[in-house]
């Protein structure tokens, strides 16, 4: 199996290179379960963020990352956009998205109670990897529907052409590979 060696400011990971289509392969970057990596990158990202009131991510890979970032920033809470409407949600905001790592269209839902917390607040949207930017756009749309001001969009890695964007904060570039 082909691999790619990722270097993130003193921390290295060997990532398997996997096909996502007939003509595209990506280095599979999974932070779930990698406590060392999450604890290493969280303060690095936190130091790059402007002042924010809340941090928002999508379920599920961004959760451990923003948990650690909010701990580093001494924030009391963070907000998660879920992948489906839950019975406990009051007046949820819903947005559909297609991303490079999901095979079907997915839904992102923001509990109305969380949306009310975001109204008039400065929000940073954080994910593990930004590639096509579709997940990021969906989160930004949810935040704007809630009345938030998105002051930062950040990720550990910017994949492929995303590394050329000037509107995102990231720690390292992640290349894509031909099929």
C-alpha atoms as a PDB file:
ATOM      1  CA  UNK A   1       0.000   0.000   0.000  1.00  0.00           C
ATOM      2  CA  UNK A   2       1.239   3.476  -0.877  1.00  0.00           C
ATOM      3  CA  UNK A   3       1.721   5.869   2.024  1.00  0.00           C
ATOM      4  CA  UNK A   4       2.424   9.545   2.504  1.00  0.00           C
ATOM      5  CA  UNK A   5       4.517  10.872   5.389  1.00  0.00           C
ATOM      6  CA  UNK A   6       2.828  13.868   6.973  1.00  0.00           C
ATOM      7  CA  UNK A   7       4.906  16.292   9.049  1.00  0.00           C
ATOM      8  CA  UNK A   8       3.072  18.677  11.384  1.00  0.00           C
ATOM      9  CA  UNK A   9       5.562  20.858  13.226  1.00  0.00           C
ATOM     10  CA  UNK A  10       7.559  18.081  14.861  1.00  0.00           C
ATOM     11  CA  UNK A  11       4.944  15.322  14.730  1.00  0.00           C
ATOM     12  CA  UNK A  12       4.914  12.742  11.933  1.00  0.00           C
ATOM     13  CA  UNK A  13       2.241  10.352  10.721  1.00  0.00           C
ATOM     14  CA  UNK A  14       2.386   7.747   7.967  1.00  0.00           C
ATOM     15  CA  UNK A  15      -0.908   7.988   6.066  1.00  0.00           C
ATOM     16  CA  UNK A  16      -2.273   5.320   3.717  1.00  0.00           C
ATOM     17  CA  UNK A  17      -3.036   6.639   0.232  1.00  0.00           C
ATOM     18  CA  UNK A  18      -6.502   5.452  -0.805  1.00  0.00           C
ATOM     19  CA  UNK A  19      -8.663   5.887  -3.909  1.00  0.00           C
ATOM     20  CA  UNK A  20     -11.766   8.063  -3.629  1.00  0.00           C
ATOM     21  CA  UNK A  21     -12.565   7.882  -7.356  1.00  0.00           C
ATOM     22  CA  UNK A  22     -11.103   6.373 -10.531  1.00  0.00           C
ATOM     23  CA  UNK A  23      -8.801   9.346 -11.018  1.00  0.00           C
ATOM     24  CA  UNK A  24      -8.143  10.586  -7.475  1.00  0.00           C
ATOM     25  CA  UNK A  25      -6.381   9.202  -4.407  1.00  0.00           C
ATOM     26  CA  UNK A  26      -5.983  10.924  -1.052  1.00  0.00           C
ATOM     27  CA  UNK A  27      -3.827  10.405   2.004  1.00  0.00           C
ATOM     28  CA  UNK A  28      -6.267   9.167   4.642  1.00  0.00           C
ATOM     29  CA  UNK A  29      -5.975  11.439   7.674  1.00  0.00           C
ATOM     30  CA  UNK A  30      -8.018  10.258  10.661  1.00  0.00           C
ATOM     31  CA  UNK A  31      -7.662  12.056  13.973  1.00  0.00           C
ATOM     32  CA  UNK A  32     -10.212   9.973  15.878  1.00  0.00           C
ATOM     33  CA  UNK A  33      -8.373   8.052  18.563  1.00  0.00           C
ATOM     34  CA  UNK A  34      -5.052   9.887  18.026  1.00  0.00           C
ATOM     35  CA  UNK A  35      -4.761  11.768  21.318  1.00  0.00           C
ATOM     36  CA  UNK A  36      -1.126  12.701  20.740  1.00  0.00           C
ATOM     37  CA  UNK A  37      -1.910  14.354  17.412  1.00  0.00           C
ATOM     38  CA  UNK A  38      -4.990  16.214  18.695  1.00  0.00           C
ATOM     39  CA  UNK A  39      -3.093  17.530  21.724  1.00  0.00           C
ATOM     40  CA  UNK A  40      -0.167  18.540  19.502  1.00  0.00           C
ATOM     41  CA  UNK A  41      -2.146  20.482  16.892  1.00  0.00           C
ATOM     42  CA  UNK A  42      -4.822  22.092  19.108  1.00  0.00           C
ATOM     43  CA  UNK A  43      -2.566  24.767  20.633  1.00  0.00           C
ATOM     44  CA  UNK A  44      -0.970  25.408  17.235  1.00  0.00           C
ATOM     45  CA  UNK A  45      -4.382  26.138  15.708  1.00  0.00           C
ATOM     46  CA  UNK A  46      -5.613  27.992  18.790  1.00  0.00           C
ATOM     47  CA  UNK A  47      -2.667  30.399  18.491  1.00  0.00           C
ATOM     48  CA  UNK A  48      -3.681  31.258  14.916  1.00  0.00           C
ATOM     49  CA  UNK A  49      -7.313  32.073  15.709  1.00  0.00           C
ATOM     50  CA  UNK A  50      -8.658  35.574  16.230  1.00  0.00           C
ATOM     51  CA  UNK A  51     -10.767  36.222  19.306  1.00  0.00           C
ATOM     52  CA  UNK A  52     -13.937  34.106  19.136  1.00  0.00           C
ATOM     53  CA  UNK A  53     -16.998  33.489  21.271  1.00  0.00           C
ATOM     54  CA  UNK A  54     -17.703  29.969  19.980  1.00  0.00           C
ATOM     55  CA  UNK A  55     -16.093  27.238  17.948  1.00  0.00           C
ATOM     56  CA  UNK A  56     -18.255  25.177  15.589  1.00  0.00           C
ATOM     57  CA  UNK A  57     -17.504  21.883  13.856  1.00  0.00           C
ATOM     58  CA  UNK A  58     -19.342  19.072  12.111  1.00  0.00           C
ATOM     59  CA  UNK A  59     -19.851  15.663  13.648  1.00  0.00           C
ATOM     60  CA  UNK A  60     -17.624  13.603  14.078  1.00  0.00           C
ATOM     61  CA  UNK A  61     -13.912  14.001  13.315  1.00  0.00           C
ATOM     62  CA  UNK A  62     -13.735  17.637  14.383  1.00  0.00           C
ATOM     63  CA  UNK A  63     -15.127  16.937  17.858  1.00  0.00           C
ATOM     64  CA  UNK A  64     -11.930  15.867  19.643  1.00  0.00           C
ATOM     65  CA  UNK A  65     -10.063  18.711  17.954  1.00  0.00           C
ATOM     66  CA  UNK A  66     -12.401  21.485  19.051  1.00  0.00           C
ATOM     67  CA  UNK A  67     -12.725  19.925  22.489  1.00  0.00           C
ATOM     68  CA  UNK A  68      -8.981  20.333  22.932  1.00  0.00           C
ATOM     69  CA  UNK A  69      -8.880  23.787  21.294  1.00  0.00           C
ATOM     70  CA  UNK A  70     -11.596  25.090  23.611  1.00  0.00           C
ATOM     71  CA  UNK A  71      -9.720  23.609  26.577  1.00  0.00           C
ATOM     72  CA  UNK A  72      -6.526  25.383  25.451  1.00  0.00           C
ATOM     73  CA  UNK A  73      -8.454  28.662  25.030  1.00  0.00           C
ATOM     74  CA  UNK A  74     -10.211  28.217  28.418  1.00  0.00           C
ATOM     75  CA  UNK A  75     -13.629  28.311  26.739  1.00  0.00           C
ATOM     76  CA  UNK A  76     -16.607  26.715  28.499  1.00  0.00           C
ATOM     77  CA  UNK A  77     -18.300  25.118  25.498  1.00  0.00           C
ATOM     78  CA  UNK A  78     -18.293  24.416  21.776  1.00  0.00           C
ATOM     79  CA  UNK A  79     -21.004  23.658  19.249  1.00  0.00           C
ATOM     80  CA  UNK A  80     -21.452  20.595  17.052  1.00  0.00           C
ATOM     81  CA  UNK A  81     -23.482  20.400  13.854  1.00  0.00           C
ATOM     82  CA  UNK A  82     -24.956  16.903  13.862  1.00  0.00           C
ATOM     83  CA  UNK A  83     -25.413  14.622  10.832  1.00  0.00           C
ATOM     84  CA  UNK A  84     -29.124  14.146  11.420  1.00  0.00           C
ATOM     85  CA  UNK A  85     -31.986  15.823  13.219  1.00  0.00           C
ATOM     86  CA  UNK A  86     -32.232  14.433  16.750  1.00  0.00           C
ATOM     87  CA  UNK A  87     -35.434  14.135  18.779  1.00  0.00           C
ATOM     88  CA  UNK A  88     -34.096  16.533  21.418  1.00  0.00           C
ATOM     89  CA  UNK A  89     -33.489  19.337  18.906  1.00  0.00           C
ATOM     90  CA  UNK A  90     -35.743  22.384  19.118  1.00  0.00           C
ATOM     91  CA  UNK A  91     -36.275  24.167  15.776  1.00  0.00           C
ATOM     92  CA  UNK A  92     -33.102  22.815  14.134  1.00  0.00           C
ATOM     93  CA  UNK A  93     -31.371  24.545  11.256  1.00  0.00           C
ATOM     94  CA  UNK A  94     -30.584  22.078   8.449  1.00  0.00           C
ATOM     95  CA  UNK A  95     -28.201  22.272   5.487  1.00  0.00           C
ATOM     96  CA  UNK A  96     -27.268  19.598   2.915  1.00  0.00           C
ATOM     97  CA  UNK A  97     -23.687  19.014   1.783  1.00  0.00           C
ATOM     98  CA  UNK A  98     -21.554  16.750  -0.416  1.00  0.00           C
ATOM     99  CA  UNK A  99     -17.920  16.328   0.574  1.00  0.00           C
ATOM    100  CA  UNK A 100     -15.019  14.432  -0.958  1.00  0.00           C
ATOM    101  CA  UNK A 101     -14.931  11.831   1.845  1.00  0.00           C
ATOM    102  CA  UNK A 102     -18.644  10.974   1.889  1.00  0.00           C
ATOM    103  CA  UNK A 103     -20.259   8.939  -0.863  1.00  0.00           C
ATOM    104  CA  UNK A 104     -23.754  10.407  -0.535  1.00  0.00           C
ATOM    105  CA  UNK A 105     -25.200  13.788   0.248  1.00  0.00           C
ATOM    106  CA  UNK A 106     -25.173  14.377   3.985  1.00  0.00           C
ATOM    107  CA  UNK A 107     -27.180  16.659   6.217  1.00  0.00           C
ATOM    108  CA  UNK A 108     -25.760  18.968   8.867  1.00  0.00           C
ATOM    109  CA  UNK A 109     -28.137  20.064  11.625  1.00  0.00           C
ATOM    110  CA  UNK A 110     -27.743  22.732  14.248  1.00  0.00           C
ATOM    111  CA  UNK A 111     -29.979  22.519  17.301  1.00  0.00           C
ATOM    112  CA  UNK A 112     -32.078  25.675  17.596  1.00  0.00           C
ATOM    113  CA  UNK A 113     -30.830  26.116  21.181  1.00  0.00           C
ATOM    114  CA  UNK A 114     -27.240  26.132  19.913  1.00  0.00           C
ATOM    115  CA  UNK A 115     -28.225  28.441  17.059  1.00  0.00           C
ATOM    116  CA  UNK A 116     -29.604  30.947  19.584  1.00  0.00           C
ATOM    117  CA  UNK A 117     -26.225  30.935  21.397  1.00  0.00           C
ATOM    118  CA  UNK A 118     -24.488  31.883  18.141  1.00  0.00           C
ATOM    119  CA  UNK A 119     -26.677  34.890  17.340  1.00  0.00           C
ATOM    120  CA  UNK A 120     -24.504  37.996  17.199  1.00  0.00           C
ATOM    121  CA  UNK A 121     -21.389  36.055  18.236  1.00  0.00           C
ATOM    122  CA  UNK A 122     -17.953  35.661  16.638  1.00  0.00           C
ATOM    123  CA  UNK A 123     -17.532  32.067  15.487  1.00  0.00           C
ATOM    124  CA  UNK A 124     -14.583  30.010  14.259  1.00  0.00           C
ATOM    125  CA  UNK A 125     -15.442  27.031  12.073  1.00  0.00           C
ATOM    126  CA  UNK A 126     -12.909  24.259  12.509  1.00  0.00           C
ATOM    127  CA  UNK A 127     -12.473  20.918  10.751  1.00  0.00           C
ATOM    128  CA  UNK A 128      -9.736  18.330  10.510  1.00  0.00           C
ATOM    129  CA  UNK A 129      -9.158  18.750   6.753  1.00  0.00           C
ATOM    130  CA  UNK A 130     -10.400  21.286   4.232  1.00  0.00           C
ATOM    131  CA  UNK A 131     -10.400  19.898   0.691  1.00  0.00           C
ATOM    132  CA  UNK A 132     -13.281  20.928  -1.570  1.00  0.00           C
ATOM    133  CA  UNK A 133     -14.607  23.274   1.106  1.00  0.00           C
ATOM    134  CA  UNK A 134     -18.164  21.920   0.885  1.00  0.00           C
ATOM    135  CA  UNK A 135     -18.400  20.959   4.566  1.00  0.00           C
ATOM    136  CA  UNK A 136     -16.924  24.311   5.509  1.00  0.00           C
ATOM    137  CA  UNK A 137     -19.490  26.135   3.346  1.00  0.00           C
ATOM    138  CA  UNK A 138     -22.341  24.170   4.937  1.00  0.00           C
ATOM    139  CA  UNK A 139     -21.122  25.029   8.428  1.00  0.00           C
ATOM    140  CA  UNK A 140     -20.712  28.669   7.436  1.00  0.00           C
ATOM    141  CA  UNK A 141     -24.264  28.710   6.067  1.00  0.00           C
ATOM    142  CA  UNK A 142     -25.613  27.253   9.320  1.00  0.00           C
ATOM    143  CA  UNK A 143     -23.656  29.809  11.361  1.00  0.00           C
ATOM    144  CA  UNK A 144     -24.956  32.680   9.220  1.00  0.00           C
ATOM    145  CA  UNK A 145     -28.537  31.354   9.454  1.00  0.00           C
ATOM    146  CA  UNK A 146     -28.054  31.469  13.228  1.00  0.00           C
ATOM    147  CA  UNK A 147     -26.952  35.119  13.002  1.00  0.00           C
ATOM    148  CA  UNK A 148     -23.279  34.502  13.793  1.00  0.00           C
ATOM    149  CA  UNK A 149     -20.295  36.311  12.353  1.00  0.00           C
ATOM    150  CA  UNK A 150     -17.807  33.782  10.998  1.00  0.00           C
ATOM    151  CA  UNK A 151     -14.422  35.305  11.831  1.00  0.00           C
ATOM    152  CA  UNK A 152     -12.228  32.278  11.068  1.00  0.00           C
ATOM    153  CA  UNK A 153     -12.282  29.045   9.101  1.00  0.00           C
ATOM    154  CA  UNK A 154      -9.528  26.656  10.108  1.00  0.00           C
ATOM    155  CA  UNK A 155      -8.280  23.094   9.821  1.00  0.00           C
ATOM    156  CA  UNK A 156      -5.229  21.047  10.597  1.00  0.00           C
ATOM    157  CA  UNK A 157      -4.693  20.383   6.891  1.00  0.00           C
ATOM    158  CA  UNK A 158      -5.562  22.005   3.576  1.00  0.00           C
ATOM    159  CA  UNK A 159      -5.830  19.310   0.921  1.00  0.00           C
ATOM    160  CA  UNK A 160      -5.055  19.855  -2.753  1.00  0.00           C
ATOM    161  CA  UNK A 161      -6.193  23.217  -4.154  1.00  0.00           C
ATOM    162  CA  UNK A 162      -7.543  24.288  -0.754  1.00  0.00           C
ATOM    163  CA  UNK A 163      -3.957  25.100   0.221  1.00  0.00           C
ATOM    164  CA  UNK A 164      -4.136  28.037  -2.223  1.00  0.00           C
ATOM    165  CA  UNK A 165      -7.101  29.624  -0.456  1.00  0.00           C
ATOM    166  CA  UNK A 166      -6.448  32.853   1.415  1.00  0.00           C
ATOM    167  CA  UNK A 167      -9.596  32.712   3.545  1.00  0.00           C
ATOM    168  CA  UNK A 168      -8.614  29.707   5.667  1.00  0.00           C
ATOM    169  CA  UNK A 169      -6.160  28.997   8.458  1.00  0.00           C
ATOM    170  CA  UNK A 170      -4.293  25.685   8.367  1.00  0.00           C
ATOM    171  CA  UNK A 171      -1.118  24.098   9.690  1.00  0.00           C
ATOM    172  CA  UNK A 172       0.078  22.000   6.742  1.00  0.00           C
ATOM    173  CA  UNK A 173      -0.671  21.215   3.121  1.00  0.00           C
ATOM    174  CA  UNK A 174      -1.826  17.723   2.155  1.00  0.00           C
ATOM    175  CA  UNK A 175      -1.318  16.736  -1.475  1.00  0.00           C
ATOM    176  CA  UNK A 176      -3.769  14.730  -3.567  1.00  0.00           C
ATOM    177  CA  UNK A 177      -2.600  12.010  -5.925  1.00  0.00           C
ATOM    178  CA  UNK A 178      -3.711  10.917  -9.394  1.00  0.00           C
ATOM    179  CA  UNK A 179      -5.657   7.659  -9.614  1.00  0.00           C
END
